[in-house]
Amino acid sequence: MGCGLRILLTGALLSVSMYAADYRVIVAGLGGEVDYDTRFQLHAAESQKLLGGECEALIGARATKTNLKAALEKLTKATAEDTLTVLLIGHGTFDGLAYKFNLAGPDVSAEELRGMLDPIAARQLIVLATSSSGAAVEALRRENRVIVTATKSGTEKNAVVFARYWVEALRDAAADTDKNEILTAGEAFQFAKQRTANFYETQKRIATEHPLLETGGIAQRFAVLRMGTAQKASNDPAKRALLLKKDELETAIDKLKLEKAAMPIDAYKKRLSALLVELAQTQEEIEK
């Protein structure tokens, strides 16, 4: 196939979703600690705002298996021309047999998630921005479904930073590497993967997560986001400064958690509370 024809076909495939429906379901899972709860919910809320359109976010008390099932059941109306992005942000577990996403109330397993997704005809992107998420790939694998996980296996059990950089890909024009104003799943993954690696290198820490992309060929044709207004913040110098501050605060929280064992508990809680308040205030400034 000639280069020109390949480009033409790729453009045609990408343009399909311009006229089809793009559905999104975002879930902020159970954090277990106030700092994780706060960050998971901030990431979910920011994702919802950036993606726009038909996007349902399950945050806080709404983040349950029952509500996730109900949200996906509503999308059985979707056609094969539509797209569905499911973004799960939080903690995951793997007991050697099954992966589960931690929710308020009963957790949801990869097998259960597959049962919710399989009746939906839309082309699908499933992003598991959780620990142990690599263990879910086998259960979720299906033709015309792109799977992104924060870890390469179920044994990478530490909390992940991948979610932060996946959200960053949605608002940073640099993630759109071919500059066609369409952010594909492949582009978002490569951006988030590199930023995740940079985080561990900068912090001089051994990487405890290695993001994985399943069905990469499809991922390059799966449009996650149309650029333009969603990138406004990254083009504003004042907003860029706030985004940098937000990243620094998240990094400071991660560093503080590593130092927790060597600190008096009251000092730890006081410092953590101050950082979380500043993080929330910074997010509010970004959204103004």
Protein backbone atom coordinates (compact mmCIF):
# COMPACT_ATOMS: atom_id res chain seq x y z
CA MET A 1 0.00 0.00 0.00
CA GLY A 2 1.44 3.38 -0.98
CA CYS A 3 2.22 6.04 1.61
CA GLY A 4 -0.38 8.44 0.23
CA LEU A 5 -3.11 5.80 0.40
CA ARG A 6 -2.14 4.86 3.96
CA ILE A 7 -2.41 8.51 5.03
CA LEU A 8 -5.77 8.86 3.29
CA LEU A 9 -7.16 5.75 4.98
CA THR A 10 -5.84 6.79 8.39
CA GLY A 11 -7.44 10.20 8.00
CA ALA A 12 -10.72 8.60 7.01
CA LEU A 13 -10.67 6.28 10.01
CA LEU A 14 -9.93 9.15 12.38
CA SER A 15 -12.62 11.32 10.84
CA VAL A 16 -15.32 8.71 11.44
CA SER A 17 -15.58 9.69 15.10
CA MET A 18 -16.07 13.34 14.08
CA TYR A 19 -19.63 12.37 13.15
CA ALA A 20 -20.20 9.52 15.63
CA ALA A 21 -20.83 9.72 19.35
CA ASP A 22 -17.95 9.70 21.81
CA TYR A 23 -18.98 8.28 25.19
CA ARG A 24 -16.81 8.46 28.30
CA VAL A 25 -17.12 6.93 31.76
CA ILE A 26 -14.62 7.99 34.43
CA VAL A 27 -14.34 6.49 37.90
CA ALA A 28 -12.32 7.72 40.88
CA GLY A 29 -11.83 4.60 42.98
CA LEU A 30 -11.47 4.21 46.71
CA GLY A 31 -8.27 5.82 47.96
CA GLY A 32 -8.17 4.38 51.46
CA GLU A 33 -6.34 7.51 52.65
CA VAL A 34 -7.35 11.16 52.38
CA ASP A 35 -4.47 12.08 50.06
CA TYR A 36 -5.28 9.32 47.58
CA ASP A 37 -9.00 10.07 47.72
CA THR A 38 -8.29 13.74 47.01
CA ARG A 39 -5.97 13.12 44.09
CA PHE A 40 -8.09 10.40 42.49
CA GLN A 41 -11.11 12.68 42.61
CA LEU A 42 -9.20 15.69 41.26
CA HIS A 43 -7.86 13.60 38.36
CA ALA A 44 -11.34 12.30 37.56
CA ALA A 45 -12.96 15.73 37.71
CA GLU A 46 -10.27 17.28 35.54
CA SER A 47 -10.57 14.46 33.00
CA GLN A 48 -14.32 14.99 32.80
CA LYS A 49 -13.86 18.71 32.19
CA LEU A 50 -11.19 18.23 29.53
CA LEU A 51 -13.02 15.49 27.65
CA GLY A 52 -16.44 17.15 27.78
CA GLY A 53 -19.29 15.77 25.68
CA GLU A 54 -21.17 12.70 26.88
CA CYS A 55 -18.96 12.04 29.88
CA GLU A 56 -20.15 10.55 33.15
CA ALA A 57 -17.87 10.74 36.17
CA LEU A 58 -18.41 8.55 39.22
CA ILE A 59 -16.68 10.30 42.11
CA GLY A 60 -16.88 9.92 45.89
CA ALA A 61 -19.93 8.05 47.14
CA ARG A 62 -21.12 7.54 43.54
CA ALA A 63 -18.07 5.43 42.69
CA THR A 64 -19.65 2.01 43.23
CA LYS A 65 -19.86 -1.18 41.20
CA THR A 66 -23.62 -0.76 40.91
CA ASN A 67 -23.28 2.73 39.45
CA LEU A 68 -20.50 1.68 37.09
CA LYS A 69 -22.66 -1.15 35.79
CA ALA A 70 -25.62 1.22 35.36
CA ALA A 71 -23.50 3.78 33.50
CA LEU A 72 -22.24 1.14 31.07
CA GLU A 73 -25.66 -0.47 30.61
CA LYS A 74 -26.93 2.87 29.29
CA LEU A 75 -24.34 2.66 26.51
CA THR A 76 -25.64 -0.55 24.97
CA LYS A 77 -27.35 1.92 22.61
CA ALA A 78 -23.96 2.77 21.10
CA THR A 79 -23.17 1.67 17.55
CA ALA A 80 -19.99 0.25 16.04
CA GLU A 81 -19.19 3.74 14.69
CA ASP A 82 -19.22 5.26 18.19
CA THR A 83 -16.35 5.27 20.67
CA LEU A 84 -16.30 4.55 24.38
CA THR A 85 -13.49 5.52 26.73
CA VAL A 86 -13.51 4.07 30.25
CA LEU A 87 -10.97 5.58 32.63
CA LEU A 88 -10.50 3.96 36.03
CA ILE A 89 -8.29 5.92 38.44
CA GLY A 90 -7.26 4.52 41.79
CA HIS A 91 -5.95 1.38 43.45
CA GLY A 92 -6.09 -2.12 42.04
CA THR A 93 -5.25 -5.47 43.61
CA PHE A 94 -4.17 -8.86 42.34
CA ASP A 95 -4.34 -12.00 44.48
CA GLY A 96 -2.57 -14.24 41.98
CA LEU A 97 -5.84 -15.16 40.30
CA ALA A 98 -7.93 -12.06 39.70
CA TYR A 99 -7.46 -8.30 39.29
CA LYS A 100 -9.91 -6.04 41.13
CA PHE A 101 -10.47 -2.28 41.00
CA ASN A 102 -11.06 -0.87 44.49
CA LEU A 103 -14.42 0.86 44.88
CA ALA A 104 -16.67 2.02 47.71
CA GLY A 105 -18.43 -1.20 48.64
CA PRO A 106 -17.73 -4.33 46.55
CA ASP A 107 -14.74 -4.10 44.21
CA VAL A 108 -15.11 -4.87 40.51
CA SER A 109 -13.00 -7.62 38.94
CA ALA A 110 -11.60 -7.64 35.42
CA GLU A 111 -14.02 -10.46 34.54
CA GLU A 112 -16.98 -8.44 35.82
CA LEU A 113 -15.80 -5.38 33.92
CA ARG A 114 -15.55 -7.44 30.74
CA GLY A 115 -19.13 -8.59 31.28
CA MET A 116 -20.23 -4.95 31.45
CA LEU A 117 -18.26 -3.93 28.36
CA ASP A 118 -18.86 -6.81 25.96
CA PRO A 119 -22.52 -5.92 25.18
CA ILE A 120 -21.42 -2.45 24.00
CA ALA A 121 -20.79 -2.35 20.24
CA ALA A 122 -18.71 0.86 20.27
CA ARG A 123 -14.97 0.82 19.66
CA GLN A 124 -13.47 0.90 23.14
CA LEU A 125 -10.51 2.35 25.01
CA ILE A 126 -10.12 1.00 28.54
CA VAL A 127 -7.56 2.85 30.69
CA LEU A 128 -6.74 1.19 34.00
CA ALA A 129 -4.67 3.82 35.79
CA THR A 130 -4.22 1.65 38.88
CA SER A 131 -1.73 -0.58 40.62
CA SER A 132 -1.65 -4.26 39.54
CA SER A 133 -3.62 -3.34 36.39
CA GLY A 134 -1.43 -5.39 34.04
CA ALA A 135 -3.16 -8.48 35.41
CA ALA A 136 -6.45 -7.36 33.81
CA VAL A 137 -5.27 -7.45 30.19
CA GLU A 138 -5.98 -11.11 29.49
CA ALA A 139 -9.55 -10.91 30.75
CA LEU A 140 -10.33 -7.69 28.88
CA ARG A 141 -8.67 -8.49 25.57
CA ARG A 142 -11.08 -8.26 22.62
CA GLU A 143 -11.00 -7.25 18.97
CA ASN A 144 -11.47 -3.50 18.50
CA ARG A 145 -10.70 -2.78 22.16
CA VAL A 146 -7.62 -0.79 23.18
CA ILE A 147 -6.34 -1.54 26.69
CA VAL A 148 -3.96 0.72 28.59
CA THR A 149 -2.64 -0.27 32.00
CA ALA A 150 -0.39 1.57 34.43
CA THR A 151 1.58 -1.60 35.18
CA LYS A 152 2.88 -4.49 33.13
CA SER A 153 1.72 -7.16 35.59
CA GLY A 154 -0.32 -7.83 38.70
CA THR A 155 2.80 -7.90 40.84
CA GLU A 156 3.50 -4.15 40.44
CA LYS A 157 1.36 -3.33 43.47
CA ASN A 158 2.54 0.11 44.57
CA ALA A 159 0.36 3.19 44.03
CA VAL A 160 0.91 4.58 40.53
CA VAL A 161 1.59 8.06 39.15
CA PHE A 162 0.51 7.11 35.60
CA ALA A 163 -2.98 8.60 36.09
CA ARG A 164 -1.48 12.04 36.64
CA TYR A 165 0.33 11.96 33.32
CA TRP A 166 -2.58 10.45 31.39
CA VAL A 167 -4.65 13.47 32.49
CA GLU A 168 -1.73 15.74 31.58
CA ALA A 169 -1.77 14.30 28.06
CA LEU A 170 -5.36 15.51 27.70
CA ARG A 171 -4.36 19.13 28.30
CA ASP A 172 -0.82 19.34 26.92
CA ALA A 173 -0.62 20.08 23.20
CA ALA A 174 2.80 18.39 23.14
CA ALA A 175 1.06 15.02 23.45
CA ASP A 176 -0.36 15.50 19.94
CA THR A 177 2.90 14.53 18.27
CA ASP A 178 1.70 14.73 14.66
CA LYS A 179 0.04 18.13 15.31
CA ASN A 180 -3.22 17.22 13.60
CA GLU A 181 -5.27 18.40 16.62
CA ILE A 182 -6.49 14.87 17.30
CA LEU A 183 -5.04 13.15 20.36
CA THR A 184 -5.05 9.41 19.78
CA ALA A 185 -4.87 6.72 22.43
CA GLY A 186 -1.41 5.82 21.17
CA GLU A 187 -0.17 9.40 21.49
CA ALA A 188 -1.66 9.81 24.98
CA PHE A 189 -0.09 6.53 26.08
CA GLN A 190 3.39 7.39 24.82
CA PHE A 191 3.21 10.81 26.48
CA ALA A 192 2.05 9.39 29.83
CA LYS A 193 4.53 6.50 29.67
CA GLN A 194 7.49 8.85 29.10
CA ARG A 195 6.40 11.28 31.80
CA THR A 196 5.98 8.38 34.24
CA ALA A 197 9.52 7.16 33.48
CA ASN A 198 10.84 10.73 33.88
CA PHE A 199 9.17 10.97 37.29
CA TYR A 200 11.09 8.00 38.67
CA GLU A 201 14.35 9.12 37.07
CA THR A 202 14.02 12.65 38.48
CA GLN A 203 13.15 11.34 41.93
CA LYS A 204 16.03 8.84 41.73
CA ARG A 205 13.64 6.04 42.62
CA ILE A 206 13.35 2.52 41.24
CA ALA A 207 10.37 2.45 38.89
CA THR A 208 7.56 0.39 40.39
CA GLU A 209 5.22 0.76 37.41
CA HIS A 210 5.73 0.06 33.71
CA PRO A 211 2.74 1.12 31.58
CA LEU A 212 1.43 -1.27 28.97
CA LEU A 213 -0.50 -0.74 25.72
CA GLU A 214 -2.47 -3.60 24.19
CA THR A 215 -3.51 -3.45 20.50
CA GLY A 216 -1.22 -0.54 19.68
CA GLY A 217 -2.21 -0.47 15.99
CA ILE A 218 -5.81 0.35 16.82
CA ALA A 219 -4.63 2.84 19.44
CA GLN A 220 -3.08 5.04 16.75
CA ARG A 221 -6.52 5.38 15.12
CA PHE A 222 -8.57 5.82 18.30
CA ALA A 223 -9.33 9.53 18.80
CA VAL A 224 -9.43 10.35 22.51
CA LEU A 225 -9.76 14.11 22.23
CA ARG A 226 -10.07 16.86 19.63
CA MET A 227 -7.59 19.60 20.46
CA GLY A 228 -8.29 23.34 20.67
CA THR A 229 -10.20 24.77 23.62
CA ALA A 230 -9.19 21.89 25.86
CA GLN A 231 -5.58 22.99 25.47
CA LYS A 232 -6.23 26.61 26.42
CA ALA A 233 -4.67 26.27 29.87
CA SER A 234 -1.35 24.99 28.55
CA ASN A 235 -1.10 27.97 26.17
CA ASP A 236 -1.61 30.57 28.92
CA PRO A 237 1.65 31.48 30.77
CA ALA A 238 -0.21 32.00 34.05
CA LYS A 239 -2.01 28.69 33.70
CA ARG A 240 1.23 26.91 32.76
CA ALA A 241 2.77 28.17 36.00
CA LEU A 242 -0.19 26.79 37.94
CA LEU A 243 0.06 23.45 36.15
CA LEU A 244 3.74 23.28 37.06
CA LYS A 245 2.89 24.12 40.67
CA LYS A 246 0.26 21.36 40.70
CA ASP A 247 2.82 18.81 39.50
CA GLU A 248 5.30 19.97 42.15
CA LEU A 249 2.65 19.59 44.86
CA GLU A 250 1.77 16.07 43.74
CA THR A 251 5.45 15.17 43.74
CA ALA A 252 5.86 16.65 47.21
CA ILE A 253 2.97 14.50 48.46
CA ASP A 254 4.58 11.38 46.99
CA LYS A 255 7.89 12.30 48.63
CA LEU A 256 6.18 12.93 51.96
CA LYS A 257 4.57 9.49 51.90
CA LEU A 258 7.99 7.91 51.49
CA GLU A 259 9.22 9.83 54.54
CA LYS A 260 6.17 9.02 56.68
CA ALA A 261 7.82 6.21 58.66
CA ALA A 262 10.62 8.51 59.83
CA MET A 263 8.33 11.37 60.93
CA PRO A 264 6.18 11.99 64.01
CA ILE A 265 2.62 11.17 62.95
CA ASP A 266 1.29 14.62 63.92
CA ALA A 267 3.94 16.35 61.83
CA TYR A 268 3.15 14.08 58.90
CA LYS A 269 -0.59 14.75 59.09
CA LYS A 270 -0.07 18.51 59.42
CA ARG A 271 2.24 18.67 56.40
CA LEU A 272 -0.01 16.39 54.35
CA SER A 273 -3.08 18.46 55.16
CA ALA A 274 -1.31 21.66 54.10
CA LEU A 275 -0.20 20.13 50.80
CA LEU A 276 -3.68 18.79 50.03
CA VAL A 277 -5.30 22.16 50.71
CA GLU A 278 -2.76 23.88 48.47
CA LEU A 279 -3.32 21.27 45.77
CA ALA A 280 -7.09 21.81 45.84
CA GLN A 281 -6.66 25.59 45.75
CA THR A 282 -4.28 25.32 42.79
CA GLN A 283 -6.76 23.15 40.90
CA GLU A 284 -9.46 25.77 41.52
CA GLU A 285 -7.19 28.47 40.06
CA ILE A 286 -6.50 26.34 37.00
CA GLU A 287 -10.21 25.91 36.37
CA LYS A 288 -11.08 29.63 36.63
